[in-house]
PDB file of N, CA and C in Angstrom:
ATOM      1  N   UNK A   1      72.945  88.197  98.355  1.00  0.00           N
ATOM      2  CA  UNK A   1      74.193  87.792  98.797  1.00  0.00           C
ATOM      3  C   UNK A   1      75.208  89.084  98.549  1.00  0.00           C
ATOM      4  N   UNK A   2      75.862  89.443  99.601  1.00  0.00           N
ATOM      5  CA  UNK A   2      76.715  90.593  99.573  1.00  0.00           C
ATOM      6  C   UNK A   2      78.015  90.258  98.775  1.00  0.00           C
ATOM      7  N   UNK A   3      78.671  91.332  98.306  1.00  0.00           N
ATOM      8  CA  UNK A   3      79.944  91.162  97.610  1.00  0.00           C
ATOM      9  C   UNK A   3      81.021  90.559  98.452  1.00  0.00           C
ATOM     10  N   UNK A   4      81.007  90.808  99.775  1.00  0.00           N
ATOM     11  CA  UNK A   4      82.064  90.245 100.660  1.00  0.00           C
ATOM     12  C   UNK A   4      81.786  88.807 100.806  1.00  0.00           C
ATOM     13  N   UNK A   5      80.524  88.246 100.948  1.00  0.00           N
ATOM     14  CA  UNK A   5      80.296  86.829 100.948  1.00  0.00           C
ATOM     15  C   UNK A   5      80.772  86.139  99.611  1.00  0.00           C
ATOM     16  N   UNK A   6      80.498  86.721  98.512  1.00  0.00           N
ATOM     17  CA  UNK A   6      80.965  86.219  97.312  1.00  0.00           C
ATOM     18  C   UNK A   6      82.526  86.058  97.213  1.00  0.00           C
ATOM     19  N   UNK A   7      83.228  87.175  97.687  1.00  0.00           N
ATOM     20  CA  UNK A   7      84.655  87.198  97.585  1.00  0.00           C
ATOM     21  C   UNK A   7      85.190  86.179  98.601  1.00  0.00           C
ATOM     22  N   UNK A   8      84.603  86.030  99.743  1.00  0.00           N
ATOM     23  CA  UNK A   8      85.063  84.987 100.672  1.00  0.00           C
ATOM     24  C   UNK A   8      84.867  83.650 100.118  1.00  0.00           C
ATOM     25  N   UNK A   9      83.801  83.446  99.456  1.00  0.00           N
ATOM     26  CA  UNK A   9      83.596  82.049  98.865  1.00  0.00           C
ATOM     27  C   UNK A   9      84.556  81.833  97.710  1.00  0.00           C
ATOM     28  N   UNK A  10      84.854  82.829  96.885  1.00  0.00           N
ATOM     29  CA  UNK A  10      85.834  82.692  95.896  1.00  0.00           C
ATOM     30  C   UNK A  10      87.198  82.503  96.544  1.00  0.00           C
ATOM     31  N   UNK A  11      87.552  83.090  97.534  1.00  0.00           N
ATOM     32  CA  UNK A  11      88.825  82.882  98.251  1.00  0.00           C
ATOM     33  C   UNK A  11      88.961  81.452  98.781  1.00  0.00           C
ATOM     34  N   UNK A  12      87.864  80.938  99.294  1.00  0.00           N
ATOM     35  CA  UNK A  12      87.822  79.530  99.754  1.00  0.00           C
ATOM     36  C   UNK A  12      88.074  78.607  98.579  1.00  0.00           C
ATOM     37  N   UNK A  13      87.399  78.784  97.486  1.00  0.00           N
ATOM     38  CA  UNK A  13      87.548  78.017  96.278  1.00  0.00           C
ATOM     39  C   UNK A  13      89.000  78.090  95.730  1.00  0.00           C
ATOM     40  N   UNK A  14      89.502  79.205  95.709  1.00  0.00           N
ATOM     41  CA  UNK A  14      90.943  79.484  95.304  1.00  0.00           C
ATOM     42  C   UNK A  14      91.859  78.727  96.050  1.00  0.00           C
ATOM     43  N   UNK A  15      91.786  78.921  97.377  1.00  0.00           N
ATOM     44  CA  UNK A  15      92.650  78.183  98.332  1.00  0.00           C
ATOM     45  C   UNK A  15      92.570  76.632  98.152  1.00  0.00           C
ATOM     46  N   UNK A  16      91.389  76.195  98.022  1.00  0.00           N
ATOM     47  CA  UNK A  16      91.131  74.697  97.864  1.00  0.00           C
ATOM     48  C   UNK A  16      91.809  74.241  96.478  1.00  0.00           C
ATOM     49  N   UNK A  17      91.617  75.056  95.482  1.00  0.00           N
ATOM     50  CA  UNK A  17      92.252  74.621  94.179  1.00  0.00           C
ATOM     51  C   UNK A  17      93.783  74.766  94.255  1.00  0.00           C
ATOM     52  N   UNK A  18      94.362  75.732  95.070  1.00  0.00           N
ATOM     53  CA  UNK A  18      95.767  75.802  95.228  1.00  0.00           C
ATOM     54  C   UNK A  18      96.309  74.580  95.920  1.00  0.00           C
ATOM     55  N   UNK A  19      95.582  74.081  96.914  1.00  0.00           N
ATOM     56  CA  UNK A  19      95.946  72.872  97.642  1.00  0.00           C
ATOM     57  C   UNK A  19      95.919  71.697  96.659  1.00  0.00           C
ATOM     58  N   UNK A  20      94.880  71.605  95.959  1.00  0.00           N
ATOM     59  CA  UNK A  20      94.702  70.482  94.966  1.00  0.00           C
ATOM     60  C   UNK A  20      95.818  70.535  93.887  1.00  0.00           C
ATOM     61  N   UNK A  21      96.178  71.744  93.395  1.00  0.00           N
ATOM     62  CA  UNK A  21      97.195  71.839  92.473  1.00  0.00           C
ATOM     63  C   UNK A  21      98.564  71.386  93.010  1.00  0.00           C
ATOM     64  N   UNK A  22      98.785  71.840  94.246  1.00  0.00           N
ATOM     65  CA  UNK A  22     100.078  71.469  94.981  1.00  0.00           C
ATOM     66  C   UNK A  22     100.136  70.000  95.167  1.00  0.00           C
ATOM     67  N   UNK A  23      99.048  69.365  95.555  1.00  0.00           N
ATOM     68  CA  UNK A  23      98.977  67.918  95.798  1.00  0.00           C
ATOM     69  C   UNK A  23      99.148  67.182  94.455  1.00  0.00           C
ATOM     70  N   UNK A  24      98.537  67.654  93.474  1.00  0.00           N
ATOM     71  CA  UNK A  24      98.676  66.959  92.143  1.00  0.00           C
ATOM     72  C   UNK A  24     100.176  67.018  91.703  1.00  0.00           C
ATOM     73  N   UNK A  25     100.833  68.166  91.870  1.00  0.00           N
ATOM     74  CA  UNK A  25     102.246  68.325  91.442  1.00  0.00           C
ATOM     75  C   UNK A  25     103.074  67.504  92.289  1.00  0.00           C
ATOM     76  N   UNK A  26     102.895  67.482  93.613  1.00  0.00           N
ATOM     77  CA  UNK A  26     103.703  66.658  94.443  1.00  0.00           C
ATOM     78  C   UNK A  26     103.509  65.153  94.207  1.00  0.00           C
ATOM     79  N   UNK A  27     102.412  64.679  93.737  1.00  0.00           N
ATOM     80  CA  UNK A  27     102.323  63.261  93.523  1.00  0.00           C
ATOM     81  C   UNK A  27     102.659  62.852  92.176  1.00  0.00           C
ATOM     82  N   UNK A  28     103.135  63.783  91.332  1.00  0.00           N
ATOM     83  CA  UNK A  28     103.475  63.349  89.908  1.00  0.00           C
ATOM     84  C   UNK A  28     105.027  63.372  89.679  1.00  0.00           C
ATOM     85  N   UNK A  29     105.746  62.489  90.326  1.00  0.00           N
ATOM     86  CA  UNK A  29     107.244  62.510  90.130  1.00  0.00           C
ATOM     87  C   UNK A  29     107.650  62.299  88.693  1.00  0.00           C
ATOM     88  N   UNK A  30     106.897  61.526  87.976  1.00  0.00           N
ATOM     89  CA  UNK A  30     107.193  61.447  86.514  1.00  0.00           C
ATOM     90  C   UNK A  30     107.102  62.796  85.823  1.00  0.00           C
ATOM     91  N   UNK A  31     106.107  63.577  86.214  1.00  0.00           N
ATOM     92  CA  UNK A  31     105.965  64.897  85.605  1.00  0.00           C
ATOM     93  C   UNK A  31     107.178  65.781  85.899  1.00  0.00           C
ATOM     94  N   UNK A  32     107.833  65.551  87.029  1.00  0.00           N
ATOM     95  CA  UNK A  32     109.103  66.237  87.299  1.00  0.00           C
ATOM     96  C   UNK A  32     110.151  65.972  86.276  1.00  0.00           C
ATOM     97  N   UNK A  33     110.290  64.664  85.823  1.00  0.00           N
ATOM     98  CA  UNK A  33     111.244  64.304  84.945  1.00  0.00           C
ATOM     99  C   UNK A  33     110.867  64.848  83.554  1.00  0.00           C
ATOM    100  N   UNK A  34     109.636  64.785  83.149  1.00  0.00           N
ATOM    101  CA  UNK A  34     109.247  65.216  81.806  1.00  0.00           C
ATOM    102  C   UNK A  34     109.367  66.771  81.651  1.00  0.00           C
ATOM    103  N   UNK A  35     109.020  67.461  82.631  1.00  0.00           N
ATOM    104  CA  UNK A  35     108.925  68.893  82.567  1.00  0.00           C
ATOM    105  C   UNK A  35     110.037  69.516  83.369  1.00  0.00           C
ATOM    106  N   UNK A  36     111.225  68.982  83.402  1.00  0.00           N
ATOM    107  CA  UNK A  36     112.268  69.502  84.272  1.00  0.00           C
ATOM    108  C   UNK A  36     112.575  70.968  83.978  1.00  0.00           C
ATOM    109  N   UNK A  37     112.554  71.500  82.757  1.00  0.00           N
ATOM    110  CA  UNK A  37     112.806  72.843  82.507  1.00  0.00           C
ATOM    111  C   UNK A  37     111.661  73.785  82.943  1.00  0.00           C
ATOM    112  N   UNK A  38     110.410  73.222  82.831  1.00  0.00           N
ATOM    113  CA  UNK A  38     109.321  74.092  83.204  1.00  0.00           C
ATOM    114  C   UNK A  38     108.907  73.806  84.637  1.00  0.00           C
ATOM    115  N   UNK A  39     109.497  72.820  85.342  1.00  0.00           N
ATOM    116  CA  UNK A  39     109.102  72.421  86.662  1.00  0.00           C
ATOM    117  C   UNK A  39     109.251  73.571  87.686  1.00  0.00           C
ATOM    118  N   UNK A  40     110.241  74.460  87.445  1.00  0.00           N
ATOM    119  CA  UNK A  40     110.502  75.567  88.314  1.00  0.00           C
ATOM    120  C   UNK A  40     109.338  76.536  88.465  1.00  0.00           C
ATOM    121  N   UNK A  41     108.479  76.513  87.337  1.00  0.00           N
ATOM    122  CA  UNK A  41     107.416  77.480  87.265  1.00  0.00           C
ATOM    123  C   UNK A  41     106.221  77.048  88.139  1.00  0.00           C
ATOM    124  N   UNK A  42     106.071  75.793  88.396  1.00  0.00           N
ATOM    125  CA  UNK A  42     104.804  75.329  89.062  1.00  0.00           C
ATOM    126  C   UNK A  42     104.906  75.801  90.548  1.00  0.00           C
ATOM    127  N   UNK A  43     106.053  75.728  91.249  1.00  0.00           N
ATOM    128  CA  UNK A  43     106.043  76.080  92.700  1.00  0.00           C
ATOM    129  C   UNK A  43     105.883  77.617  92.766  1.00  0.00           C
ATOM    130  N   UNK A  44     106.318  78.350  91.824  1.00  0.00           N
ATOM    131  CA  UNK A  44     106.064  79.809  91.842  1.00  0.00           C
ATOM    132  C   UNK A  44     104.620  80.109  91.651  1.00  0.00           C
ATOM    133  N   UNK A  45     103.969  79.515  90.731  1.00  0.00           N
ATOM    134  CA  UNK A  45     102.519  79.698  90.478  1.00  0.00           C
ATOM    135  C   UNK A  45     101.774  79.274  91.762  1.00  0.00           C
ATOM    136  N   UNK A  46     102.129  78.121  92.354  1.00  0.00           N
ATOM    137  CA  UNK A  46     101.388  77.646  93.478  1.00  0.00           C
ATOM    138  C   UNK A  46     101.480  78.552  94.688  1.00  0.00           C
ATOM    139  N   UNK A  47     102.719  79.081  94.850  1.00  0.00           N
ATOM    140  CA  UNK A  47     103.013  80.036  96.034  1.00  0.00           C
ATOM    141  C   UNK A  47     102.118  81.311  95.820  1.00  0.00           C
ATOM    142  N   UNK A  48     102.143  81.933  94.667  1.00  0.00           N
ATOM    143  CA  UNK A  48     101.416  83.144  94.427  1.00  0.00           C
ATOM    144  C   UNK A  48      99.937  82.815  94.510  1.00  0.00           C
ATOM    145  N   UNK A  49      99.517  81.669  94.031  1.00  0.00           N
ATOM    146  CA  UNK A  49      98.139  81.301  94.196  1.00  0.00           C
ATOM    147  C   UNK A  49      97.671  81.265  95.614  1.00  0.00           C
ATOM    148  N   UNK A  50      98.488  80.650  96.466  1.00  0.00           N
ATOM    149  CA  UNK A  50      98.136  80.623  97.947  1.00  0.00           C
ATOM    150  C   UNK A  50      98.106  82.045  98.537  1.00  0.00           C
ATOM    151  N   UNK A  51      99.115  82.796  98.267  1.00  0.00           N
ATOM    152  CA  UNK A  51      99.175  84.152  98.819  1.00  0.00           C
ATOM    153  C   UNK A  51      97.989  84.981  98.500  1.00  0.00           C
ATOM    154  N   UNK A  52      97.635  84.907  97.195  1.00  0.00           N
ATOM    155  CA  UNK A  52      96.513  85.724  96.715  1.00  0.00           C
ATOM    156  C   UNK A  52      95.156  85.154  97.107  1.00  0.00           C
ATOM    157  N   UNK A  53      95.115  83.824  97.417  1.00  0.00           N
ATOM    158  CA  UNK A  53      93.819  83.327  97.870  1.00  0.00           C
ATOM    159  C   UNK A  53      93.580  83.912  99.299  1.00  0.00           C
ATOM    160  N   UNK A  54      94.654  84.087 100.093  1.00  0.00           N
ATOM    161  CA  UNK A  54      94.559  84.783 101.353  1.00  0.00           C
ATOM    162  C   UNK A  54      94.225  86.245 101.192  1.00  0.00           C
ATOM    163  N   UNK A  55      94.788  86.811 100.191  1.00  0.00           N
ATOM    164  CA  UNK A  55      94.485  88.220  99.869  1.00  0.00           C
ATOM    165  C   UNK A  55      93.036  88.441  99.606  1.00  0.00           C
ATOM    166  N   UNK A  56      92.382  87.484  98.950  1.00  0.00           N
ATOM    167  CA  UNK A  56      90.961  87.492  98.681  1.00  0.00           C
ATOM    168  C   UNK A  56      90.159  87.549  99.970  1.00  0.00           C
ATOM    169  N   UNK A  57      90.656  86.849 101.025  1.00  0.00           N
ATOM    170  CA  UNK A  57      89.930  86.904 102.235  1.00  0.00           C
ATOM    171  C   UNK A  57      90.053  88.330 102.813  1.00  0.00           C
ATOM    172  N   UNK A  58      91.155  88.898 102.702  1.00  0.00           N
ATOM    173  CA  UNK A  58      91.239  90.321 103.135  1.00  0.00           C
ATOM    174  C   UNK A  58      90.423  91.294 102.276  1.00  0.00           C
ATOM    175  N   UNK A  59      90.375  90.938 101.002  1.00  0.00           N
ATOM    176  CA  UNK A  59      89.537  91.865 100.096  1.00  0.00           C
ATOM    177  C   UNK A  59      88.124  91.848 100.512  1.00  0.00           C
ATOM    178  N   UNK A  60      87.673  90.732 101.052  1.00  0.00           N
ATOM    179  CA  UNK A  60      86.197  90.628 101.430  1.00  0.00           C
ATOM    180  C   UNK A  60      85.891  91.619 102.457  1.00  0.00           C
ATOM    181  N   UNK A  61      86.879  92.072 103.213  1.00  0.00           N
ATOM    182  CA  UNK A  61      86.571  93.070 104.328  1.00  0.00           C
ATOM    183  C   UNK A  61      87.030  94.467 104.002  1.00  0.00           C
ATOM    184  N   UNK A  62      87.407  94.803 102.788  1.00  0.00           N
ATOM    185  CA  UNK A  62      87.796  96.123 102.422  1.00  0.00           C
ATOM    186  C   UNK A  62      86.512  96.953 101.969  1.00  0.00           C
ATOM    187  N   UNK A  63      86.723  98.234 101.658  1.00  0.00           N
ATOM    188  CA  UNK A  63      85.578  99.070 101.409  1.00  0.00           C
ATOM    189  C   UNK A  63      84.884  98.688 100.045  1.00  0.00           C
ATOM    190  N   UNK A  64      85.696  98.175  99.081  1.00  0.00           N
ATOM    191  CA  UNK A  64      85.051  97.799  97.743  1.00  0.00           C
ATOM    192  C   UNK A  64      85.506  96.358  97.467  1.00  0.00           C
ATOM    193  N   UNK A  65      84.871  95.416  98.115  1.00  0.00           N
ATOM    194  CA  UNK A  65      85.303  93.960  97.948  1.00  0.00           C
ATOM    195  C   UNK A  65      85.122  93.470  96.529  1.00  0.00           C
ATOM    196  N   UNK A  66      84.113  93.920  95.859  1.00  0.00           N
ATOM    197  CA  UNK A  66      83.899  93.368  94.478  1.00  0.00           C
ATOM    198  C   UNK A  66      84.970  93.906  93.559  1.00  0.00           C
ATOM    199  N   UNK A  67      85.465  95.110  93.747  1.00  0.00           N
ATOM    200  CA  UNK A  67      86.440  95.698  92.857  1.00  0.00           C
ATOM    201  C   UNK A  67      87.816  94.967  93.071  1.00  0.00           C
ATOM    202  N   UNK A  68      88.225  94.920  94.394  1.00  0.00           N
ATOM    203  CA  UNK A  68      89.485  94.292  94.723  1.00  0.00           C
ATOM    204  C   UNK A  68      89.434  92.854  94.443  1.00  0.00           C
ATOM    205  N   UNK A  69      88.358  92.180  94.805  1.00  0.00           N
ATOM    206  CA  UNK A  69      88.241  90.718  94.460  1.00  0.00           C
ATOM    207  C   UNK A  69      88.411  90.389  92.992  1.00  0.00           C
ATOM    208  N   UNK A  70      87.656  91.126  92.236  1.00  0.00           N
ATOM    209  CA  UNK A  70      87.608  90.956  90.752  1.00  0.00           C
ATOM    210  C   UNK A  70      89.022  91.164  90.153  1.00  0.00           C
ATOM    211  N   UNK A  71      89.689  92.158  90.637  1.00  0.00           N
ATOM    212  CA  UNK A  71      91.011  92.465  90.077  1.00  0.00           C
ATOM    213  C   UNK A  71      92.055  91.353  90.514  1.00  0.00           C
ATOM    214  N   UNK A  72      91.940  90.997  91.764  1.00  0.00           N
ATOM    215  CA  UNK A  72      92.801  89.899  92.336  1.00  0.00           C
ATOM    216  C   UNK A  72      92.614  88.579  91.558  1.00  0.00           C
ATOM    217  N   UNK A  73      91.339  88.271  91.315  1.00  0.00           N
ATOM    218  CA  UNK A  73      91.000  86.994  90.626  1.00  0.00           C
ATOM    219  C   UNK A  73      91.538  87.046  89.213  1.00  0.00           C
ATOM    220  N   UNK A  74      91.256  88.150  88.552  1.00  0.00           N
ATOM    221  CA  UNK A  74      91.824  88.319  87.206  1.00  0.00           C
ATOM    222  C   UNK A  74      93.329  88.119  87.112  1.00  0.00           C
ATOM    223  N   UNK A  75      94.017  88.814  88.089  1.00  0.00           N
ATOM    224  CA  UNK A  75      95.501  88.680  88.164  1.00  0.00           C
ATOM    225  C   UNK A  75      95.938  87.273  88.416  1.00  0.00           C
ATOM    226  N   UNK A  76      95.294  86.602  89.344  1.00  0.00           N
ATOM    227  CA  UNK A  76      95.628  85.280  89.684  1.00  0.00           C
ATOM    228  C   UNK A  76      95.470  84.295  88.403  1.00  0.00           C
ATOM    229  N   UNK A  77      94.371  84.478  87.755  1.00  0.00           N
ATOM    230  CA  UNK A  77      94.217  83.774  86.557  1.00  0.00           C
ATOM    231  C   UNK A  77      95.214  83.954  85.417  1.00  0.00           C
ATOM    232  N   UNK A  78      95.558  85.240  85.311  1.00  0.00           N
ATOM    233  CA  UNK A  78      96.515  85.469  84.208  1.00  0.00           C
ATOM    234  C   UNK A  78      97.955  85.024  84.596  1.00  0.00           C
ATOM    235  N   UNK A  79      98.265  85.406  85.829  1.00  0.00           N
ATOM    236  CA  UNK A  79      99.652  85.157  86.338  1.00  0.00           C
ATOM    237  C   UNK A  79      99.894  83.683  86.739  1.00  0.00           C
ATOM    238  N   UNK A  80      99.118  83.113  87.624  1.00  0.00           N
ATOM    239  CA  UNK A  80      99.231  81.815  87.960  1.00  0.00           C
ATOM    240  C   UNK A  80      98.847  80.822  86.915  1.00  0.00           C
ATOM    241  N   UNK A  81      97.728  81.119  86.236  1.00  0.00           N
ATOM    242  CA  UNK A  81      97.247  80.328  85.207  1.00  0.00           C
ATOM    243  C   UNK A  81      98.197  80.101  84.095  1.00  0.00           C
ATOM    244  N   UNK A  82      98.907  81.174  83.632  1.00  0.00           N
ATOM    245  CA  UNK A  82      99.926  81.063  82.589  1.00  0.00           C
ATOM    246  C   UNK A  82     101.116  80.309  83.033  1.00  0.00           C
ATOM    247  N   UNK A  83     101.534  80.362  84.354  1.00  0.00           N
ATOM    248  CA  UNK A  83     102.646  79.608  84.824  1.00  0.00           C
ATOM    249  C   UNK A  83     102.329  78.164  85.045  1.00  0.00           C
ATOM    250  N   UNK A  84     101.058  77.834  85.485  1.00  0.00           N
ATOM    251  CA  UNK A  84     100.579  76.427  85.676  1.00  0.00           C
ATOM    252  C   UNK A  84     100.552  75.802  84.264  1.00  0.00           C
ATOM    253  N   UNK A  85     100.026  76.570  83.335  1.00  0.00           N
ATOM    254  CA  UNK A  85      99.919  76.013  81.952  1.00  0.00           C
ATOM    255  C   UNK A  85     101.256  75.654  81.307  1.00  0.00           C
ATOM    256  N   UNK A  86     102.227  76.552  81.509  1.00  0.00           N
ATOM    257  CA  UNK A  86     103.586  76.222  80.936  1.00  0.00           C
ATOM    258  C   UNK A  86     104.234  75.154  81.687  1.00  0.00           C
ATOM    259  N   UNK A  87     104.075  75.154  83.060  1.00  0.00           N
ATOM    260  CA  UNK A  87     104.685  74.117  83.769  1.00  0.00           C
ATOM    261  C   UNK A  87     104.177  72.701  83.459  1.00  0.00           C
ATOM    262  N   UNK A  88     102.812  72.553  83.192  1.00  0.00           N
ATOM    263  CA  UNK A  88     102.192  71.283  82.973  1.00  0.00           C
ATOM    264  C   UNK A  88     102.350  70.799  81.563  1.00  0.00           C
ATOM    265  N   UNK A  89     102.359  71.771  80.566  1.00  0.00           N
ATOM    266  CA  UNK A  89     102.398  71.438  79.217  1.00  0.00           C
ATOM    267  C   UNK A  89     103.736  71.673  78.519  1.00  0.00           C
ATOM    268  N   UNK A  90     104.518  72.513  79.042  1.00  0.00           N
ATOM    269  CA  UNK A  90     105.702  72.913  78.370  1.00  0.00           C
ATOM    270  C   UNK A  90     105.530  73.890  77.243  1.00  0.00           C
ATOM    271  N   UNK A  91     104.253  74.380  77.104  1.00  0.00           N
ATOM    272  CA  UNK A  91     103.902  75.260  76.015  1.00  0.00           C
ATOM    273  C   UNK A  91     104.018  76.751  76.574  1.00  0.00           C
ATOM    274  N   UNK A  92     104.859  77.617  75.958  1.00  0.00           N
ATOM    275  CA  UNK A  92     105.031  78.905  76.559  1.00  0.00           C
ATOM    276  C   UNK A  92     104.055  79.891  75.838  1.00  0.00           C
ATOM    277  N   UNK A  93     103.008  79.435  75.221  1.00  0.00           N
ATOM    278  CA  UNK A  93     102.097  80.296  74.548  1.00  0.00           C
ATOM    279  C   UNK A  93     101.436  81.386  75.327  1.00  0.00           C
ATOM    280  N   UNK A  94     101.173  81.125  76.555  1.00  0.00           N
ATOM    281  CA  UNK A  94     100.566  82.124  77.471  1.00  0.00           C
ATOM    282  C   UNK A  94     101.496  82.879  78.332  1.00  0.00           C
ATOM    283  N   UNK A  95     102.818  82.764  78.059  1.00  0.00           N
ATOM    284  CA  UNK A  95     103.807  83.446  78.903  1.00  0.00           C
ATOM    285  C   UNK A  95     103.524  84.971  78.891  1.00  0.00           C
ATOM    286  N   UNK A  96     103.128  85.580  77.893  1.00  0.00           N
ATOM    287  CA  UNK A  96     102.963  87.026  77.905  1.00  0.00           C
ATOM    288  C   UNK A  96     101.866  87.493  78.805  1.00  0.00           C
ATOM    289  N   UNK A  97     101.037  86.534  79.336  1.00  0.00           N
ATOM    290  CA  UNK A  97     100.025  86.864  80.245  1.00  0.00           C
ATOM    291  C   UNK A  97     100.476  87.059  81.660  1.00  0.00           C
ATOM    292  N   UNK A  98     101.584  86.529  82.061  1.00  0.00           N
ATOM    293  CA  UNK A  98     102.125  86.540  83.370  1.00  0.00           C
ATOM    294  C   UNK A  98     102.456  88.010  83.825  1.00  0.00           C
ATOM    295  N   UNK A  99     103.100  88.885  83.058  1.00  0.00           N
ATOM    296  CA  UNK A  99     103.341  90.170  83.588  1.00  0.00           C
ATOM    297  C   UNK A  99     102.102  91.081  83.727  1.00  0.00           C
ATOM    298  N   UNK A 100     101.142  90.812  82.868  1.00  0.00           N
ATOM    299  CA  UNK A 100      99.798  91.527  82.978  1.00  0.00           C
ATOM    300  C   UNK A 100      99.132  91.035  84.252  1.00  0.00           C
ATOM    301  N   UNK A 101      99.177  89.727  84.511  1.00  0.00           N
ATOM    302  CA  UNK A 101      98.531  89.192  85.703  1.00  0.00           C
ATOM    303  C   UNK A 101      99.286  89.747  86.972  1.00  0.00           C
ATOM    304  N   UNK A 102     100.539  89.738  86.932  1.00  0.00           N
ATOM    305  CA  UNK A 102     101.297  90.359  88.116  1.00  0.00           C
ATOM    306  C   UNK A 102     100.970  91.769  88.383  1.00  0.00           C
ATOM    307  N   UNK A 103     100.845  92.575  87.335  1.00  0.00           N
ATOM    308  CA  UNK A 103     100.488  93.964  87.470  1.00  0.00           C
ATOM    309  C   UNK A 103      98.946  94.040  88.187  1.00  0.00           C
ATOM    310  N   UNK A 104      98.121  93.159  87.603  1.00  0.00           N
ATOM    311  CA  UNK A 104      96.707  93.122  88.152  1.00  0.00           C
ATOM    312  C   UNK A 104      96.679  92.691  89.600  1.00  0.00           C
ATOM    313  N   UNK A 105      97.583  91.788  90.011  1.00  0.00           N
ATOM    314  CA  UNK A 105      97.604  91.395  91.356  1.00  0.00           C
ATOM    315  C   UNK A 105      98.093  92.530  92.326  1.00  0.00           C
ATOM    316  N   UNK A 106      99.061  93.302  91.773  1.00  0.00           N
ATOM    317  CA  UNK A 106      99.547  94.499  92.523  1.00  0.00           C
ATOM    318  C   UNK A 106      98.384  95.507  92.650  1.00  0.00           C
ATOM    319  N   UNK A 107      97.740  95.746  91.524  1.00  0.00           N
ATOM    320  CA  UNK A 107      96.486  96.679  91.543  1.00  0.00           C
ATOM    321  C   UNK A 107      95.393  96.164  92.467  1.00  0.00           C
ATOM    322  N   UNK A 108      95.268  94.823  92.490  1.00  0.00           N
ATOM    323  CA  UNK A 108      94.265  94.275  93.416  1.00  0.00           C
ATOM    324  C   UNK A 108      94.544  94.598  94.903  1.00  0.00           C
ATOM    325  N   UNK A 109      95.911  94.418  95.182  1.00  0.00           N
ATOM    326  CA  UNK A 109      96.297  94.828  96.646  1.00  0.00           C
ATOM    327  C   UNK A 109      95.977  96.311  96.851  1.00  0.00           C
ATOM    328  N   UNK A 110      96.349  97.060  95.868  1.00  0.00           N
ATOM    329  CA  UNK A 110      96.084  98.543  96.079  1.00  0.00           C
ATOM    330  C   UNK A 110      94.626  98.861  96.048  1.00  0.00           C
ATOM    331  N   UNK A 111      93.760  98.131  95.455  1.00  0.00           N
ATOM    332  CA  UNK A 111      92.298  98.371  95.550  1.00  0.00           C
ATOM    333  C   UNK A 111      91.741  98.047  96.846  1.00  0.00           C
ATOM    334  N   UNK A 112      92.446  97.320  97.623  1.00  0.00           N
ATOM    335  CA  UNK A 112      92.017  97.047  99.014  1.00  0.00           C
ATOM    336  C   UNK A 112      92.011  98.366  99.854  1.00  0.00           C
ATOM    337  N   UNK A 113      92.840  99.366  99.365  1.00  0.00           N
ATOM    338  CA  UNK A 113      92.894 100.608 100.112  1.00  0.00           C
ATOM    339  C   UNK A 113      91.531 101.326 100.028  1.00  0.00           C
ATOM    340  N   UNK A 114      90.765 101.184  98.885  1.00  0.00           N
ATOM    341  CA  UNK A 114      89.512 101.902  98.625  1.00  0.00           C
ATOM    342  C   UNK A 114      88.427 101.652  99.653  1.00  0.00           C
TER     343      UNK A 114
END
């Protein structure tokens, strides 16, 4: 299996999980009340999750899909994951991961130039 096939499959899984996360959040009106201060984080995480799932599709067609895909996935995990975690639990313990993940997502986009 080629690296581009793997990255395309990961992009599809990422997109599917972004839809599932958005659907979960949308159906949990009680969660909105409980996590009102953290609730603003969830839409941000979900938006970047979607955008970077699409970026993974593009990464599958660049010169070094494994490099770009790995960096994008790591960035998504750190950035979106930390925001999802705080939004759902109210626990800011992973907050310091978000800037590192954001930088990784930028580097992932730049890696598509390779």
